[in-house]
């Protein structure tokens, strides 16, 4: 097996480009903030009780070392270019936030001598007390910490309780399944990992583990933030209208820490939906269309691979166009769109349970490959039964269209079977 050298020269070029760009753009944001007549500060009382440890400047400076070294650990040009473009995107987003919403560091640092004092002096030579957010803070972590403090202080009569998770006086199994048909949209996306199985090192086992890990993390984070938000609305039974329901999480953020957290949560949601979620959806759906086109189940022009980026370019552009059209068509009808997406996902998962049981029939593991899929099928079928009526109609029409396509493929002699190397064992 031939050894491919790491692209050290290209890594040095990327570092020579992004390193100065970071300091120039970061310095520009500092300069613009310094010229402003008023730059606000966001600080909490408990922060003044935090100790000052001069030695922590050393791990802070080490970030620059890891930044530089990260370019040279990439194993090939594609990996290096992807890494560099991610760093560039992060820098552009952060600097844009620094310029649009400048903040000032208001605390006074104690006098520091020796090596640590010299490192602080070098840092302040180009850094200023601005550019505070975003600073790689996780909005969810901020919400969890501030919500916990607000609950501990009794804001809005909140108190620690497990009632939002289980209240025997309000518990209703039909209500749970009805709500599940809507909440399922919050868990969609983990299965997108499986569409990247052909590009993953380690085979299908790695994809399966990644899918389970992603689902576990998403479920845990969703439950924690929803539980904390419910604790901060102890007396609320139902929101008055759809707008109040859609804006509930932002209003809870304002209740916790004021308008600034409301804005931060809104920005995080907007950036997550516009970049992260859209990127995952584009990557997953386009590869599904590519695979179907490669197996002659969709038009052949969708199987085209870009010679440089090695991605299904035409499939990506088609998905982007369809997303744009559907987004414009369903403006103001987000609930209906969400219900239709849920109906489609639940139907697909129902068929997935059937496929698992059929694929592993006779494998000698009835508990794992027969009973578990059966239990999952029953739960999903009940949730689907309680779905929105319009979603049922729209989803059923879409299913009929899919069956028509399947019949056409069968009648035209095209295969609808997976290839042996595509099956998941």
Protein backbone atom coordinates (compact mmCIF):
# COMPACT_ATOMS: atom_id res chain seq x y z
CA UNK A 1 0.00 0.00 0.00
CA UNK A 2 1.55 3.31 -1.08
CA UNK A 3 1.95 6.06 1.49
CA UNK A 4 0.49 9.45 0.51
CA UNK A 5 2.37 12.36 2.00
CA UNK A 6 0.45 14.95 3.97
CA UNK A 7 -0.10 18.23 2.03
CA UNK A 8 2.30 20.23 4.22
CA UNK A 9 2.94 22.89 1.59
CA UNK A 10 -0.75 23.53 1.06
CA UNK A 11 -1.24 23.57 4.85
CA UNK A 12 1.41 26.26 5.16
CA UNK A 13 -0.36 28.33 2.48
CA UNK A 14 -3.71 28.04 4.27
CA UNK A 15 -2.08 29.04 7.55
CA UNK A 16 -0.36 32.00 5.84
CA UNK A 17 -3.76 33.11 4.52
CA UNK A 18 -6.07 32.49 7.48
CA UNK A 19 -3.63 33.50 10.23
CA UNK A 20 -3.20 37.11 9.07
CA UNK A 21 -6.87 37.25 8.04
CA UNK A 22 -7.89 36.35 11.59
CA UNK A 23 -5.74 39.04 13.20
CA UNK A 24 -6.73 41.69 10.63
CA UNK A 25 -10.49 40.99 10.82
CA UNK A 26 -10.38 40.58 14.60
CA UNK A 27 -8.44 43.84 14.89
CA UNK A 28 -10.87 45.62 12.57
CA UNK A 29 -13.81 44.58 14.75
CA UNK A 30 -11.92 45.84 17.81
CA UNK A 31 -11.20 49.16 16.11
CA UNK A 32 -14.81 49.69 15.05
CA UNK A 33 -16.04 48.87 18.55
CA UNK A 34 -13.48 51.25 20.04
CA UNK A 35 -14.79 54.11 17.91
CA UNK A 36 -18.38 53.60 19.02
CA UNK A 37 -19.75 56.15 21.47
CA UNK A 38 -21.25 53.46 23.70
CA UNK A 39 -20.46 49.74 23.85
CA UNK A 40 -22.58 47.81 26.38
CA UNK A 41 -21.37 45.14 28.79
CA UNK A 42 -23.09 41.97 29.89
CA UNK A 43 -21.93 40.78 33.31
CA UNK A 44 -23.56 38.91 36.18
CA UNK A 45 -23.00 39.38 39.88
CA UNK A 46 -21.63 35.88 40.41
CA UNK A 47 -18.82 36.59 37.92
CA UNK A 48 -17.22 39.07 40.35
CA UNK A 49 -16.69 36.21 42.80
CA UNK A 50 -14.62 34.15 40.36
CA UNK A 51 -10.91 33.94 41.31
CA UNK A 52 -8.17 35.29 39.03
CA UNK A 53 -5.47 32.72 38.21
CA UNK A 54 -2.60 34.24 36.19
CA UNK A 55 -1.35 30.87 34.95
CA UNK A 56 -4.53 30.35 32.90
CA UNK A 57 -3.04 32.66 30.27
CA UNK A 58 -0.86 29.70 29.23
CA UNK A 59 -3.70 27.37 28.12
CA UNK A 60 -5.38 30.43 26.57
CA UNK A 61 -2.31 31.11 24.43
CA UNK A 62 -2.05 27.40 23.57
CA UNK A 63 -5.20 27.81 21.44
CA UNK A 64 -3.05 29.60 18.85
CA UNK A 65 -0.63 26.68 18.78
CA UNK A 66 -3.42 24.16 18.23
CA UNK A 67 -4.87 26.45 15.55
CA UNK A 68 -1.58 26.43 13.61
CA UNK A 69 -0.88 22.72 14.10
CA UNK A 70 -4.41 21.72 13.03
CA UNK A 71 -3.61 22.49 9.38
CA UNK A 72 -0.67 20.08 9.33
CA UNK A 73 -2.45 17.06 10.81
CA UNK A 74 -4.86 16.82 7.86
CA UNK A 75 -4.11 13.70 5.84
CA UNK A 76 -5.03 14.86 2.34
CA UNK A 77 -5.98 17.95 0.35
CA UNK A 78 -9.72 17.43 0.63
CA UNK A 79 -9.57 17.07 4.40
CA UNK A 80 -7.31 20.12 4.65
CA UNK A 81 -9.50 22.31 2.43
CA UNK A 82 -12.64 21.31 4.35
CA UNK A 83 -10.97 22.12 7.66
CA UNK A 84 -9.70 25.47 6.40
CA UNK A 85 -13.08 26.49 5.00
CA UNK A 86 -14.74 25.60 8.30
CA UNK A 87 -12.30 27.82 10.16
CA UNK A 88 -12.89 30.62 7.65
CA UNK A 89 -16.68 30.30 8.04
CA UNK A 90 -16.43 30.40 11.83
CA UNK A 91 -14.23 33.50 11.66
CA UNK A 92 -16.59 35.29 9.29
CA UNK A 93 -19.65 34.56 11.45
CA UNK A 94 -17.90 35.61 14.68
CA UNK A 95 -16.43 38.81 13.24
CA UNK A 96 -19.81 39.73 11.76
CA UNK A 97 -21.37 39.36 15.22
CA UNK A 98 -18.53 41.39 16.77
CA UNK A 99 -19.25 44.25 14.36
CA UNK A 100 -23.06 44.11 14.51
CA UNK A 101 -23.41 43.56 18.26
CA UNK A 102 -20.24 44.80 19.98
CA UNK A 103 -19.77 44.11 23.68
CA UNK A 104 -17.13 45.34 26.12
CA UNK A 105 -15.23 43.45 28.82
CA UNK A 106 -15.79 45.60 31.93
CA UNK A 107 -13.88 43.81 34.70
CA UNK A 108 -10.46 45.13 35.77
CA UNK A 109 -7.65 42.56 35.63
CA UNK A 110 -5.33 42.51 38.66
CA UNK A 111 -1.70 43.53 38.12
CA UNK A 112 0.36 40.54 37.01
CA UNK A 113 4.16 40.17 37.10
CA UNK A 114 6.69 37.73 35.69
CA UNK A 115 6.19 35.50 32.69
CA UNK A 116 2.42 35.48 33.07
CA UNK A 117 2.36 39.28 33.19
CA UNK A 118 4.45 39.44 30.02
CA UNK A 119 2.03 37.07 28.24
CA UNK A 120 -0.90 39.27 29.28
CA UNK A 121 0.96 42.35 28.02
CA UNK A 122 1.61 40.72 24.62
CA UNK A 123 -2.05 39.71 24.39
CA UNK A 124 -3.23 43.25 25.12
CA UNK A 125 -0.88 44.51 22.43
CA UNK A 126 -3.37 43.46 19.75
CA UNK A 127 -6.45 42.49 21.75
CA UNK A 128 -8.90 45.00 23.20
CA UNK A 129 -11.75 44.62 25.72
CA UNK A 130 -14.29 44.05 22.94
CA UNK A 131 -15.25 41.10 20.70
CA UNK A 132 -16.99 39.28 23.54
CA UNK A 133 -19.69 37.28 21.78
CA UNK A 134 -19.82 34.86 20.21
CA UNK A 135 -16.63 33.45 21.71
CA UNK A 136 -17.28 29.79 21.01
CA UNK A 137 -19.89 29.74 23.81
CA UNK A 138 -22.60 27.18 23.36
CA UNK A 139 -25.97 28.89 23.46
CA UNK A 140 -27.61 25.79 24.87
CA UNK A 141 -25.12 25.68 27.75
CA UNK A 142 -25.77 29.36 28.44
CA UNK A 143 -29.51 28.71 28.50
CA UNK A 144 -29.17 25.68 30.79
CA UNK A 145 -26.96 27.54 33.28
CA UNK A 146 -29.09 30.70 33.36
CA UNK A 147 -32.34 28.75 33.47
CA UNK A 148 -31.04 26.72 36.41
CA UNK A 149 -30.10 29.90 38.25
CA UNK A 150 -33.49 31.45 37.49
CA UNK A 151 -35.32 28.38 38.79
CA UNK A 152 -33.18 28.38 41.94
CA UNK A 153 -34.09 32.05 42.52
CA UNK A 154 -37.79 31.32 42.03
CA UNK A 155 -38.23 33.52 38.95
CA UNK A 156 -41.88 33.50 37.84
CA UNK A 157 -42.66 31.26 40.85
CA UNK A 158 -40.52 28.47 39.36
CA UNK A 159 -39.24 25.65 41.54
CA UNK A 160 -37.40 22.40 40.93
CA UNK A 161 -39.83 19.60 40.14
CA UNK A 162 -40.23 16.52 37.95
CA UNK A 163 -43.82 17.42 37.07
CA UNK A 164 -43.00 18.55 33.50
CA UNK A 165 -41.62 15.06 32.90
CA UNK A 166 -44.38 13.15 34.69
CA UNK A 167 -47.46 14.43 36.47
CA UNK A 168 -49.90 11.61 37.39
CA UNK A 169 -52.79 14.08 37.62
CA UNK A 170 -52.30 15.33 34.06
CA UNK A 171 -50.83 12.24 32.41
CA UNK A 172 -52.80 10.92 29.44
CA UNK A 173 -51.49 8.28 27.07
CA UNK A 174 -53.52 9.51 24.05
CA UNK A 175 -52.26 13.05 24.71
CA UNK A 176 -48.67 11.82 24.84
CA UNK A 177 -48.95 10.08 21.49
CA UNK A 178 -50.72 13.07 19.93
CA UNK A 179 -47.93 15.36 21.08
CA UNK A 180 -45.35 12.84 19.90
CA UNK A 181 -46.65 13.11 16.34
CA UNK A 182 -45.65 16.79 16.46
CA UNK A 183 -42.50 16.58 18.59
CA UNK A 184 -41.02 13.89 16.36
CA UNK A 185 -39.85 16.67 14.04
CA UNK A 186 -37.32 17.69 16.70
CA UNK A 187 -35.63 14.30 16.44
CA UNK A 188 -35.48 13.98 12.67
CA UNK A 189 -32.07 14.17 11.08
CA UNK A 190 -30.11 11.53 12.98
CA UNK A 191 -30.89 9.03 10.22
CA UNK A 192 -29.14 11.31 7.72
CA UNK A 193 -25.86 9.83 8.94
CA UNK A 194 -26.72 6.59 7.15
CA UNK A 195 -26.71 8.34 3.76
CA UNK A 196 -22.96 8.97 4.20
CA UNK A 197 -22.12 5.29 4.70
CA UNK A 198 -20.26 5.04 1.39
CA UNK A 199 -17.99 7.94 2.38
CA UNK A 200 -17.29 6.73 5.93
CA UNK A 201 -14.20 4.92 7.10
CA UNK A 202 -15.05 1.89 9.19
CA UNK A 203 -18.09 0.54 7.38
CA UNK A 204 -21.70 0.15 8.42
CA UNK A 205 -20.88 -0.59 12.07
CA UNK A 206 -19.42 2.89 12.53
CA UNK A 207 -22.49 4.42 10.87
CA UNK A 208 -24.81 2.51 13.19
CA UNK A 209 -22.94 3.62 16.29
CA UNK A 210 -22.85 7.23 15.11
CA UNK A 211 -26.61 7.16 14.48
CA UNK A 212 -27.37 5.83 17.96
CA UNK A 213 -24.97 8.32 19.57
CA UNK A 214 -26.52 11.25 17.67
CA UNK A 215 -30.04 10.16 18.61
CA UNK A 216 -29.08 9.79 22.29
CA UNK A 217 -27.43 13.22 22.44
CA UNK A 218 -30.30 14.96 20.63
CA UNK A 219 -32.89 13.32 22.87
CA UNK A 220 -31.00 14.22 26.06
CA UNK A 221 -30.44 17.85 25.06
CA UNK A 222 -34.03 18.26 23.88
CA UNK A 223 -35.44 16.87 27.11
CA UNK A 224 -33.19 18.97 29.36
CA UNK A 225 -33.95 22.30 27.71
CA UNK A 226 -37.68 21.53 27.43
CA UNK A 227 -37.86 20.48 31.07
CA UNK A 228 -36.11 23.66 32.25
CA UNK A 229 -38.34 25.82 30.05
CA UNK A 230 -41.47 24.12 31.43
CA UNK A 231 -40.31 24.72 35.01
CA UNK A 232 -40.15 28.45 34.27
CA UNK A 233 -43.83 28.43 33.21
CA UNK A 234 -45.38 26.63 36.21
CA UNK A 235 -48.84 28.18 35.92
CA UNK A 236 -49.25 27.98 32.16
CA UNK A 237 -51.73 25.43 30.86
CA UNK A 238 -51.94 26.42 27.20
CA UNK A 239 -50.58 29.22 25.03
CA UNK A 240 -53.29 31.58 23.74
CA UNK A 241 -52.40 31.30 20.06
CA UNK A 242 -49.91 29.84 17.58
CA UNK A 243 -47.65 32.92 17.63
CA UNK A 244 -47.28 32.74 21.41
CA UNK A 245 -46.49 29.03 21.15
CA UNK A 246 -43.87 29.57 18.43
CA UNK A 247 -42.19 32.38 20.39
CA UNK A 248 -42.35 30.63 23.76
CA UNK A 249 -38.70 29.64 23.99
CA UNK A 250 -37.51 33.14 23.08
CA UNK A 251 -39.80 34.67 25.69
CA UNK A 252 -38.49 32.28 28.31
CA UNK A 253 -34.97 33.39 27.39
CA UNK A 254 -36.03 37.00 27.98
CA UNK A 255 -37.57 35.98 31.29
CA UNK A 256 -34.31 34.35 32.40
CA UNK A 257 -31.77 37.04 31.57
CA UNK A 258 -33.42 39.82 29.60
CA UNK A 259 -33.69 40.76 25.91
CA UNK A 260 -30.06 39.93 25.11
CA UNK A 261 -30.56 36.19 25.73
CA UNK A 262 -33.74 36.31 23.67
CA UNK A 263 -31.73 37.74 20.77
CA UNK A 264 -28.90 35.23 21.24
CA UNK A 265 -31.31 32.28 21.17
CA UNK A 266 -33.04 33.68 18.07
CA UNK A 267 -29.69 34.10 16.30
CA UNK A 268 -28.58 30.60 17.26
CA UNK A 269 -31.83 29.12 15.94
CA UNK A 270 -31.62 31.15 12.74
CA UNK A 271 -27.99 30.23 12.09
CA UNK A 272 -28.64 26.60 13.01
CA UNK A 273 -31.64 26.35 10.69
CA UNK A 274 -30.06 28.32 7.84
CA UNK A 275 -26.63 26.67 7.93
CA UNK A 276 -26.34 23.52 10.03
CA UNK A 277 -29.77 21.97 9.44
CA UNK A 278 -29.87 22.98 5.78
CA UNK A 279 -26.38 21.57 5.25
CA UNK A 280 -27.34 18.20 6.76
CA UNK A 281 -30.58 18.05 4.78
CA UNK A 282 -28.81 18.94 1.54
CA UNK A 283 -26.06 16.37 2.07
CA UNK A 284 -28.42 13.55 3.08
CA UNK A 285 -31.18 14.07 0.51
CA UNK A 286 -28.81 14.68 -2.39
CA UNK A 287 -26.92 11.46 -1.70
CA UNK A 288 -30.18 9.54 -1.50
CA UNK A 289 -31.20 10.89 -4.92
CA UNK A 290 -27.74 10.09 -6.28
CA UNK A 291 -27.91 6.49 -5.05
CA UNK A 292 -31.39 6.01 -6.55
CA UNK A 293 -30.24 7.50 -9.87
CA UNK A 294 -27.17 5.27 -9.87
CA UNK A 295 -29.49 2.26 -9.45
CA UNK A 296 -31.63 3.52 -12.38
CA UNK A 297 -34.60 4.37 -10.13
CA UNK A 298 -34.40 8.09 -10.91
CA UNK A 299 -33.26 10.08 -13.99
CA UNK A 300 -29.59 9.51 -14.78
CA UNK A 301 -28.58 13.17 -14.72
CA UNK A 302 -28.77 13.01 -10.90
CA UNK A 303 -25.88 10.54 -10.72
CA UNK A 304 -23.33 13.12 -11.90
CA UNK A 305 -20.38 13.62 -9.53
CA UNK A 306 -18.38 16.84 -9.58
CA UNK A 307 -14.83 16.02 -10.73
CA UNK A 308 -13.15 18.19 -8.09
CA UNK A 309 -15.35 18.24 -4.99
CA UNK A 310 -16.59 14.66 -5.56
CA UNK A 311 -20.14 15.46 -4.46
CA UNK A 312 -23.44 14.87 -6.34
CA UNK A 313 -23.66 18.46 -7.57
CA UNK A 314 -26.84 18.20 -9.66
CA UNK A 315 -28.70 16.39 -6.89
CA UNK A 316 -27.65 19.08 -4.41
CA UNK A 317 -28.87 21.87 -6.72
CA UNK A 318 -32.18 20.06 -7.28
CA UNK A 319 -32.74 19.64 -3.54
CA UNK A 320 -31.89 23.31 -2.99
CA UNK A 321 -34.40 24.40 -5.63
CA UNK A 322 -37.15 22.17 -4.22
CA UNK A 323 -36.45 23.42 -0.69
CA UNK A 324 -36.74 27.02 -1.86
CA UNK A 325 -40.03 26.41 -3.69
CA UNK A 326 -41.57 24.48 -0.79
CA UNK A 327 -40.35 27.07 1.71
CA UNK A 328 -42.03 29.87 -0.22
CA UNK A 329 -45.20 27.86 -0.82
CA UNK A 330 -45.63 26.99 2.87
CA UNK A 331 -44.97 30.47 4.25
CA UNK A 332 -47.32 30.91 7.20
CA UNK A 333 -48.22 27.21 7.17
CA UNK A 334 -45.33 25.82 9.18
CA UNK A 335 -47.58 23.58 11.28
CA UNK A 336 -48.99 21.86 8.19
CA UNK A 337 -45.50 21.48 6.70
CA UNK A 338 -44.19 20.03 9.96
CA UNK A 339 -47.11 17.60 10.19
CA UNK A 340 -46.54 16.40 6.62
CA UNK A 341 -42.82 15.93 7.31
CA UNK A 342 -43.69 13.98 10.45
CA UNK A 343 -46.17 11.81 8.55
CA UNK A 344 -43.55 10.99 5.94
CA UNK A 345 -40.90 10.25 8.53
CA UNK A 346 -43.18 8.07 10.64
CA UNK A 347 -44.32 6.12 7.57
CA UNK A 348 -40.69 5.60 6.53
CA UNK A 349 -39.80 4.40 10.02
CA UNK A 350 -42.73 1.99 9.97
CA UNK A 351 -41.44 0.46 6.76
CA UNK A 352 -37.92 0.47 8.22
CA UNK A 353 -39.09 -1.71 11.13
CA UNK A 354 -40.67 -4.12 8.66
CA UNK A 355 -37.49 -4.15 6.57
CA UNK A 356 -35.31 -4.90 9.62
CA UNK A 357 -37.50 -7.83 10.63
CA UNK A 358 -37.57 -9.18 7.05
CA UNK A 359 -33.85 -8.68 6.38
CA UNK A 360 -32.80 -10.53 9.54
CA UNK A 361 -35.43 -13.28 9.38
CA UNK A 362 -33.97 -16.62 10.33
CA UNK A 363 -30.89 -15.02 11.93
CA UNK A 364 -31.58 -16.74 15.24
CA UNK A 365 -32.07 -13.56 17.29
CA UNK A 366 -35.89 -13.20 17.59
CA UNK A 367 -35.77 -10.76 20.52
CA UNK A 368 -33.60 -8.23 18.70
CA UNK A 369 -34.75 -8.73 15.12
CA UNK A 370 -38.45 -9.56 15.61
CA UNK A 371 -39.83 -8.42 18.97
CA UNK A 372 -38.07 -5.04 19.10
CA UNK A 373 -39.16 -4.04 15.56
CA UNK A 374 -42.71 -5.20 16.39
CA UNK A 375 -42.87 -3.00 19.50
CA UNK A 376 -41.49 -0.03 17.57
CA UNK A 377 -43.99 -0.62 14.76
CA UNK A 378 -46.95 -0.62 17.18
CA UNK A 379 -45.83 2.61 18.86
CA UNK A 380 -45.23 4.40 15.56
CA UNK A 381 -48.54 3.17 14.12
CA UNK A 382 -50.43 4.59 17.09
CA UNK A 383 -48.60 7.93 16.80
CA UNK A 384 -49.36 8.01 13.07
CA UNK A 385 -53.03 7.31 13.78
CA UNK A 386 -53.19 10.46 15.96
CA UNK A 387 -51.49 12.68 13.39
CA UNK A 388 -53.09 15.77 11.83
CA UNK A 389 -55.83 14.89 9.31
CA UNK A 390 -54.36 17.16 6.60
CA UNK A 391 -50.99 15.51 7.10
CA UNK A 392 -52.64 12.13 6.64
CA UNK A 393 -54.24 13.23 3.38
CA UNK A 394 -51.08 14.84 2.02
CA UNK A 395 -48.88 11.97 3.16
CA UNK A 396 -51.23 9.39 1.70
CA UNK A 397 -51.20 11.17 -1.67
CA UNK A 398 -47.39 11.21 -1.56
CA UNK A 399 -47.36 7.49 -0.71
CA UNK A 400 -49.67 6.70 -3.62
CA UNK A 401 -47.27 8.59 -5.89
CA UNK A 402 -44.39 6.54 -4.51
CA UNK A 403 -46.25 3.29 -5.13
CA UNK A 404 -46.95 4.45 -8.69
CA UNK A 405 -43.23 5.05 -9.22
CA UNK A 406 -42.48 1.60 -7.79
CA UNK A 407 -45.00 0.02 -10.17
CA UNK A 408 -43.44 1.88 -13.11
CA UNK A 409 -39.97 0.63 -12.17
CA UNK A 410 -41.24 -2.93 -11.92
CA UNK A 411 -43.09 -2.76 -15.24
CA UNK A 412 -40.08 -1.23 -17.01
CA UNK A 413 -37.83 -4.04 -15.79
CA UNK A 414 -35.67 -1.92 -13.48
CA UNK A 415 -34.46 -3.42 -10.24
CA UNK A 416 -35.71 -2.15 -6.91
CA UNK A 417 -33.36 -4.35 -4.89
CA UNK A 418 -30.26 -3.22 -3.03
CA UNK A 419 -26.92 -4.36 -4.30
CA UNK A 420 -25.09 -6.81 -2.08
CA UNK A 421 -22.44 -4.27 -1.11
CA UNK A 422 -25.10 -1.68 -0.21
CA UNK A 423 -26.96 -3.82 2.29
CA UNK A 424 -26.47 -3.17 5.97
CA UNK A 425 -25.45 -6.30 7.88
